Structure formats: structure tokens, C-alpha cells
Amino acid sequence: MRNILRNLMVALLLVGSLGATSLPAHADPLDDARAAGQIGERADGYVALVDAGAPANVKQLVDEVNAKRRAAYQKIAAEKSVPTEQIAAIAAEKIIREILTPGMYYMDASGSWKQK
């Protein structure tokens, strides 16, 4: 389990850095969208729109982040011979617990958006 978590953290760092590789070091579109209440974290390890009226670039960001996460989760799951969903759920718990800051949104088990 520790190996899975270690590999997962590496993958999450990679996923996070891929989203901002062409931007200045201080800019992170995912964190900006989270802080603006446009995007939230789901319990399945993926992001979703909190605000259905979010601009098109935020909707595109959701798709890009989820595609990168899916690839990272699948890679780790294949290496560890565990279901992809298990890796994604572990990632979600860690992101919600350790990365989200107060005011950011996450989806609870009932499917409702909550603020941290």
C-alpha cells in the first residue's frame, strides 16, 4: 500500500505539473478555477464543474485534467495490478484532505457539493 501511495503522489505531481507547463511558475489554472468555485474535486478522483455557467476554457480544463489523471491512474493501476478506480479513489481522498484549501469545493458521497 505504501508503494501505491508513493507512486500515486509522483503521478499526482506529474498530473499537476502537466497542466501548467507553459505558464509562469506562479500560475496554476486548476487552483485558480478551484479557488473561484468553478471546479471541484469528486470522490472518484476526477474534477467536475461546480458552476455550470463556467467559461468554455474552464470546461476544457476539466477535460484536460481528467484525461491526464485517467492516464496516470491507469498506469499506476497496471503497475500494481489493482483496479483503476481504487487508485483514483485514493487520489481523491488525498487531494481533498491535503491539497484543497478552505473554500474550495469537493463532492461528498451523496453527490452534493461541499466547501472545505
N, C-alpha and C. Protein backbone atom coordinates (compact mmCIF):
# COMPACT_ATOMS: atom_id res chain seq x y z
N MET A 1 0.83 -1.19 0.00
CA MET A 1 0.00 0.00 0.00
C MET A 1 0.87 1.26 0.00
N ARG A 2 1.97 1.23 0.72
CA ARG A 2 2.86 2.40 0.74
C ARG A 2 3.44 2.66 -0.64
N ASN A 3 3.76 1.59 -1.36
CA ASN A 3 4.26 1.75 -2.72
C ASN A 3 3.22 2.39 -3.61
N ILE A 4 1.98 1.97 -3.46
CA ILE A 4 0.90 2.55 -4.25
C ILE A 4 0.79 4.04 -3.96
N LEU A 5 0.80 4.40 -2.69
CA LEU A 5 0.69 5.81 -2.32
C LEU A 5 1.88 6.62 -2.82
N ARG A 6 3.06 6.07 -2.74
CA ARG A 6 4.25 6.78 -3.22
C ARG A 6 4.14 7.01 -4.72
N ASN A 7 3.78 5.96 -5.46
CA ASN A 7 3.63 6.11 -6.91
C ASN A 7 2.50 7.06 -7.25
N LEU A 8 1.45 7.02 -6.46
CA LEU A 8 0.33 7.91 -6.69
C LEU A 8 0.75 9.36 -6.51
N MET A 9 1.52 9.64 -5.48
CA MET A 9 1.97 11.01 -5.25
C MET A 9 2.84 11.50 -6.41
N VAL A 10 3.71 10.65 -6.91
CA VAL A 10 4.52 11.02 -8.07
C VAL A 10 3.61 11.33 -9.25
N ALA A 11 2.62 10.48 -9.46
CA ALA A 11 1.68 10.69 -10.58
C ALA A 11 0.90 11.98 -10.39
N LEU A 12 0.46 12.26 -9.17
CA LEU A 12 -0.30 13.48 -8.93
C LEU A 12 0.56 14.72 -9.15
N LEU A 13 1.81 14.66 -8.74
CA LEU A 13 2.71 15.78 -9.01
C LEU A 13 2.88 15.97 -10.51
N LEU A 14 3.01 14.86 -11.22
CA LEU A 14 3.13 14.92 -12.66
C LEU A 14 1.86 15.49 -13.28
N VAL A 15 0.72 15.00 -12.85
CA VAL A 15 -0.55 15.48 -13.38
C VAL A 15 -0.69 16.98 -13.12
N GLY A 16 -0.38 17.40 -11.93
CA GLY A 16 -0.47 18.82 -11.60
C GLY A 16 0.47 19.68 -12.40
N SER A 17 1.66 19.19 -12.63
CA SER A 17 2.64 19.99 -13.37
C SER A 17 2.34 20.02 -14.85
N LEU A 18 1.71 19.00 -15.39
CA LEU A 18 1.39 18.98 -16.81
C LEU A 18 0.39 20.06 -17.18
N GLY A 19 -0.47 20.40 -16.26
CA GLY A 19 -1.47 21.41 -16.55
C GLY A 19 -0.92 22.81 -16.64
N ALA A 20 0.27 23.05 -16.12
CA ALA A 20 0.81 24.40 -16.08
C ALA A 20 2.21 24.50 -16.68
N THR A 21 2.59 23.57 -17.53
CA THR A 21 3.95 23.58 -18.03
C THR A 21 4.29 24.80 -18.87
N SER A 22 3.33 25.38 -19.55
CA SER A 22 3.64 26.52 -20.40
C SER A 22 3.34 27.85 -19.73
N LEU A 23 2.99 27.82 -18.46
CA LEU A 23 2.64 29.03 -17.75
C LEU A 23 3.73 29.42 -16.77
N PRO A 24 3.72 30.66 -16.33
CA PRO A 24 4.69 31.07 -15.31
C PRO A 24 4.54 30.20 -14.06
N ALA A 25 5.59 30.12 -13.27
CA ALA A 25 5.62 29.24 -12.11
C ALA A 25 4.49 29.53 -11.12
N HIS A 26 4.04 30.76 -11.03
CA HIS A 26 3.03 31.11 -10.03
C HIS A 26 1.60 30.87 -10.51
N ALA A 27 1.42 30.60 -11.79
CA ALA A 27 0.07 30.42 -12.33
C ALA A 27 -0.31 28.94 -12.36
N ASP A 28 -1.48 28.61 -11.84
CA ASP A 28 -2.00 27.25 -11.89
C ASP A 28 -3.48 27.35 -12.20
N PRO A 29 -3.85 27.09 -13.45
CA PRO A 29 -5.25 27.26 -13.83
C PRO A 29 -6.21 26.39 -13.01
N LEU A 30 -5.79 25.19 -12.63
CA LEU A 30 -6.65 24.32 -11.83
C LEU A 30 -6.92 24.95 -10.47
N ASP A 31 -5.88 25.39 -9.80
CA ASP A 31 -6.08 26.02 -8.49
C ASP A 31 -6.89 27.31 -8.61
N ASP A 32 -6.65 28.07 -9.69
CA ASP A 32 -7.42 29.30 -9.89
C ASP A 32 -8.90 28.98 -10.05
N ALA A 33 -9.22 27.95 -10.84
CA ALA A 33 -10.62 27.57 -11.06
C ALA A 33 -11.25 27.01 -9.79
N ARG A 34 -10.43 26.26 -9.02
CA ARG A 34 -10.94 25.75 -7.73
C ARG A 34 -11.25 26.91 -6.79
N ALA A 35 -10.31 27.86 -6.70
CA ALA A 35 -10.47 28.99 -5.78
C ALA A 35 -11.66 29.87 -6.19
N ALA A 36 -11.96 29.93 -7.47
CA ALA A 36 -13.08 30.72 -7.96
C ALA A 36 -14.41 29.99 -7.81
N GLY A 37 -14.37 28.74 -7.33
CA GLY A 37 -15.59 27.97 -7.15
C GLY A 37 -16.17 27.42 -8.44
N GLN A 38 -15.35 27.36 -9.49
CA GLN A 38 -15.83 26.87 -10.78
C GLN A 38 -15.66 25.36 -10.92
N ILE A 39 -14.61 24.82 -10.31
CA ILE A 39 -14.26 23.40 -10.40
C ILE A 39 -14.14 22.83 -9.00
N GLY A 40 -14.59 21.60 -8.84
CA GLY A 40 -14.45 20.91 -7.57
C GLY A 40 -13.92 19.50 -7.78
N GLU A 41 -13.50 18.89 -6.70
CA GLU A 41 -12.96 17.53 -6.73
C GLU A 41 -14.07 16.53 -6.42
N ARG A 42 -14.13 15.48 -7.21
CA ARG A 42 -15.10 14.41 -6.97
C ARG A 42 -14.42 13.27 -6.20
N ALA A 43 -15.22 12.46 -5.54
CA ALA A 43 -14.70 11.34 -4.75
C ALA A 43 -14.12 10.24 -5.62
N ASP A 44 -14.34 10.30 -6.92
CA ASP A 44 -13.81 9.27 -7.81
C ASP A 44 -12.46 9.65 -8.41
N GLY A 45 -11.86 10.74 -7.94
CA GLY A 45 -10.53 11.12 -8.38
C GLY A 45 -10.48 12.07 -9.55
N TYR A 46 -11.61 12.55 -9.99
CA TYR A 46 -11.67 13.45 -11.13
C TYR A 46 -12.27 14.78 -10.71
N VAL A 47 -12.11 15.80 -11.56
CA VAL A 47 -12.69 17.11 -11.29
C VAL A 47 -13.97 17.27 -12.10
N ALA A 48 -14.80 18.18 -11.65
CA ALA A 48 -16.06 18.47 -12.35
C ALA A 48 -16.40 19.94 -12.15
N LEU A 49 -17.28 20.42 -13.01
CA LEU A 49 -17.74 21.79 -12.88
C LEU A 49 -18.67 21.91 -11.68
N VAL A 50 -18.41 22.88 -10.85
CA VAL A 50 -19.32 23.24 -9.76
C VAL A 50 -20.31 24.26 -10.32
N ASP A 51 -19.77 25.15 -11.14
CA ASP A 51 -20.54 26.23 -11.75
C ASP A 51 -20.83 25.88 -13.20
N ALA A 52 -22.07 25.51 -13.50
CA ALA A 52 -22.43 25.13 -14.86
C ALA A 52 -22.25 26.29 -15.85
N GLY A 53 -22.20 27.50 -15.35
CA GLY A 53 -22.00 28.66 -16.21
C GLY A 53 -20.55 29.06 -16.38
N ALA A 54 -19.64 28.18 -16.00
CA ALA A 54 -18.21 28.48 -16.12
C ALA A 54 -17.86 28.69 -17.59
N PRO A 55 -16.85 29.52 -17.86
CA PRO A 55 -16.44 29.77 -19.25
C PRO A 55 -15.93 28.50 -19.94
N ALA A 56 -15.92 28.55 -21.26
CA ALA A 56 -15.50 27.39 -22.07
C ALA A 56 -14.09 26.93 -21.73
N ASN A 57 -13.19 27.87 -21.42
CA ASN A 57 -11.81 27.46 -21.11
C ASN A 57 -11.74 26.65 -19.82
N VAL A 58 -12.67 26.89 -18.89
CA VAL A 58 -12.71 26.11 -17.64
C VAL A 58 -13.26 24.71 -17.93
N LYS A 59 -14.25 24.63 -18.81
CA LYS A 59 -14.78 23.33 -19.21
C LYS A 59 -13.69 22.51 -19.91
N GLN A 60 -12.90 23.18 -20.73
CA GLN A 60 -11.80 22.50 -21.42
C GLN A 60 -10.75 22.04 -20.40
N LEU A 61 -10.49 22.85 -19.39
CA LEU A 61 -9.54 22.48 -18.34
C LEU A 61 -9.99 21.22 -17.63
N VAL A 62 -11.29 21.10 -17.33
CA VAL A 62 -11.82 19.90 -16.68
C VAL A 62 -11.50 18.68 -17.54
N ASP A 63 -11.76 18.77 -18.83
CA ASP A 63 -11.50 17.64 -19.73
C ASP A 63 -10.01 17.29 -19.77
N GLU A 64 -9.16 18.30 -19.84
CA GLU A 64 -7.71 18.06 -19.90
C GLU A 64 -7.18 17.43 -18.61
N VAL A 65 -7.59 17.98 -17.48
CA VAL A 65 -7.14 17.45 -16.19
C VAL A 65 -7.60 16.01 -16.02
N ASN A 66 -8.86 15.74 -16.34
CA ASN A 66 -9.38 14.39 -16.19
C ASN A 66 -8.68 13.40 -17.11
N ALA A 67 -8.36 13.80 -18.31
CA ALA A 67 -7.65 12.91 -19.23
C ALA A 67 -6.25 12.58 -18.69
N LYS A 68 -5.56 13.57 -18.16
CA LYS A 68 -4.23 13.33 -17.60
C LYS A 68 -4.30 12.46 -16.36
N ARG A 69 -5.29 12.73 -15.52
CA ARG A 69 -5.44 11.91 -14.32
C ARG A 69 -5.78 10.47 -14.69
N ARG A 70 -6.70 10.30 -15.63
CA ARG A 70 -7.09 8.94 -16.05
C ARG A 70 -5.86 8.16 -16.51
N ALA A 71 -5.02 8.79 -17.32
CA ALA A 71 -3.81 8.12 -17.81
C ALA A 71 -2.88 7.76 -16.65
N ALA A 72 -2.71 8.68 -15.73
CA ALA A 72 -1.83 8.42 -14.58
C ALA A 72 -2.40 7.30 -13.70
N TYR A 73 -3.69 7.33 -13.44
CA TYR A 73 -4.32 6.30 -12.62
C TYR A 73 -4.21 4.93 -13.29
N GLN A 74 -4.43 4.90 -14.59
CA GLN A 74 -4.36 3.62 -15.31
C GLN A 74 -2.94 3.06 -15.29
N LYS A 75 -1.96 3.93 -15.42
CA LYS A 75 -0.56 3.48 -15.39
C LYS A 75 -0.22 2.87 -14.04
N ILE A 76 -0.56 3.55 -12.97
CA ILE A 76 -0.26 3.04 -11.64
C ILE A 76 -1.04 1.76 -11.37
N ALA A 77 -2.30 1.73 -11.76
CA ALA A 77 -3.13 0.54 -11.54
C ALA A 77 -2.55 -0.67 -12.26
N ALA A 78 -2.08 -0.46 -13.47
CA ALA A 78 -1.48 -1.57 -14.23
C ALA A 78 -0.20 -2.05 -13.56
N GLU A 79 0.61 -1.12 -13.07
CA GLU A 79 1.86 -1.49 -12.40
C GLU A 79 1.61 -2.27 -11.12
N LYS A 80 0.53 -1.94 -10.42
CA LYS A 80 0.24 -2.54 -9.12
C LYS A 80 -0.81 -3.64 -9.19
N SER A 81 -1.34 -3.88 -10.38
CA SER A 81 -2.37 -4.91 -10.58
C SER A 81 -3.57 -4.71 -9.66
N VAL A 82 -4.04 -3.48 -9.63
CA VAL A 82 -5.23 -3.14 -8.86
C VAL A 82 -6.18 -2.38 -9.79
N PRO A 83 -7.46 -2.30 -9.44
CA PRO A 83 -8.40 -1.57 -10.28
C PRO A 83 -8.06 -0.07 -10.35
N THR A 84 -8.25 0.49 -11.52
CA THR A 84 -8.01 1.92 -11.72
C THR A 84 -8.85 2.75 -10.74
N GLU A 85 -10.07 2.31 -10.50
CA GLU A 85 -10.97 3.04 -9.61
C GLU A 85 -10.41 3.13 -8.19
N GLN A 86 -9.68 2.10 -7.78
CA GLN A 86 -9.08 2.11 -6.43
C GLN A 86 -8.00 3.19 -6.34
N ILE A 87 -7.18 3.28 -7.36
CA ILE A 87 -6.13 4.30 -7.38
C ILE A 87 -6.77 5.68 -7.41
N ALA A 88 -7.78 5.86 -8.24
CA ALA A 88 -8.46 7.15 -8.36
C ALA A 88 -9.10 7.56 -7.03
N ALA A 89 -9.70 6.62 -6.33
CA ALA A 89 -10.34 6.93 -5.04
C ALA A 89 -9.30 7.33 -3.99
N ILE A 90 -8.16 6.65 -3.99
CA ILE A 90 -7.08 7.01 -3.06
C ILE A 90 -6.59 8.42 -3.37
N ALA A 91 -6.46 8.73 -4.65
CA ALA A 91 -6.03 10.07 -5.05
C ALA A 91 -7.03 11.12 -4.59
N ALA A 92 -8.31 10.83 -4.77
CA ALA A 92 -9.36 11.78 -4.38
C ALA A 92 -9.29 12.09 -2.89
N GLU A 93 -9.16 11.05 -2.08
CA GLU A 93 -9.07 11.26 -0.63
C GLU A 93 -7.90 12.17 -0.28
N LYS A 94 -6.76 11.90 -0.91
CA LYS A 94 -5.56 12.68 -0.61
C LYS A 94 -5.70 14.13 -1.09
N ILE A 95 -6.24 14.31 -2.28
CA ILE A 95 -6.42 15.66 -2.82
C ILE A 95 -7.36 16.46 -1.93
N ILE A 96 -8.48 15.87 -1.58
CA ILE A 96 -9.47 16.57 -0.77
C ILE A 96 -8.91 16.89 0.61
N ARG A 97 -8.21 15.94 1.18
CA ARG A 97 -7.67 16.12 2.54
C ARG A 97 -6.47 17.07 2.57
N GLU A 98 -5.56 16.95 1.60
CA GLU A 98 -4.27 17.63 1.71
C GLU A 98 -4.04 18.79 0.74
N ILE A 99 -4.76 18.81 -0.36
CA ILE A 99 -4.47 19.84 -1.36
C ILE A 99 -5.52 20.94 -1.37
N LEU A 100 -6.78 20.57 -1.23
CA LEU A 100 -7.81 21.61 -1.23
C LEU A 100 -7.65 22.52 -0.02
N THR A 101 -7.87 23.79 -0.25
CA THR A 101 -7.78 24.77 0.83
C THR A 101 -9.21 25.20 1.20
N PRO A 102 -9.36 25.82 2.36
CA PRO A 102 -10.70 26.25 2.78
C PRO A 102 -11.39 27.09 1.69
N GLY A 103 -12.66 26.77 1.47
CA GLY A 103 -13.44 27.47 0.46
C GLY A 103 -13.55 26.72 -0.86
N MET A 104 -12.63 25.79 -1.11
CA MET A 104 -12.68 25.01 -2.34
C MET A 104 -13.73 23.92 -2.20
N TYR A 105 -14.25 23.46 -3.33
CA TYR A 105 -15.35 22.50 -3.34
C TYR A 105 -14.90 21.07 -3.58
N TYR A 106 -15.65 20.15 -2.96
CA TYR A 106 -15.50 18.73 -3.20
C TYR A 106 -16.90 18.12 -3.17
N MET A 107 -17.04 17.00 -3.86
CA MET A 107 -18.33 16.32 -3.90
C MET A 107 -18.35 15.23 -2.84
N ASP A 108 -19.38 15.22 -2.00
CA ASP A 108 -19.48 14.19 -0.97
C ASP A 108 -20.07 12.91 -1.57
N ALA A 109 -20.19 11.89 -0.74
CA ALA A 109 -20.65 10.57 -1.20
C ALA A 109 -22.07 10.61 -1.77
N SER A 110 -22.87 11.59 -1.35
CA SER A 110 -24.25 11.68 -1.85
C SER A 110 -24.34 12.43 -3.17
N GLY A 111 -23.21 12.97 -3.62
CA GLY A 111 -23.20 13.71 -4.89
C GLY A 111 -23.45 15.20 -4.73
N SER A 112 -23.40 15.70 -3.51
CA SER A 112 -23.61 17.11 -3.25
C SER A 112 -22.27 17.83 -3.12
N TRP A 113 -22.22 19.05 -3.62
CA TRP A 113 -21.01 19.86 -3.48
C TRP A 113 -20.94 20.44 -2.07
N LYS A 114 -19.75 20.34 -1.47
CA LYS A 114 -19.50 20.90 -0.14
C LYS A 114 -18.25 21.75 -0.22
N GLN A 115 -18.19 22.76 0.61
CA GLN A 115 -16.98 23.57 0.70
C GLN A 115 -16.13 23.08 1.84
N LYS A 116 -14.84 23.03 1.59
CA LYS A 116 -13.91 22.61 2.64
C LYS A 116 -13.80 23.71 3.65
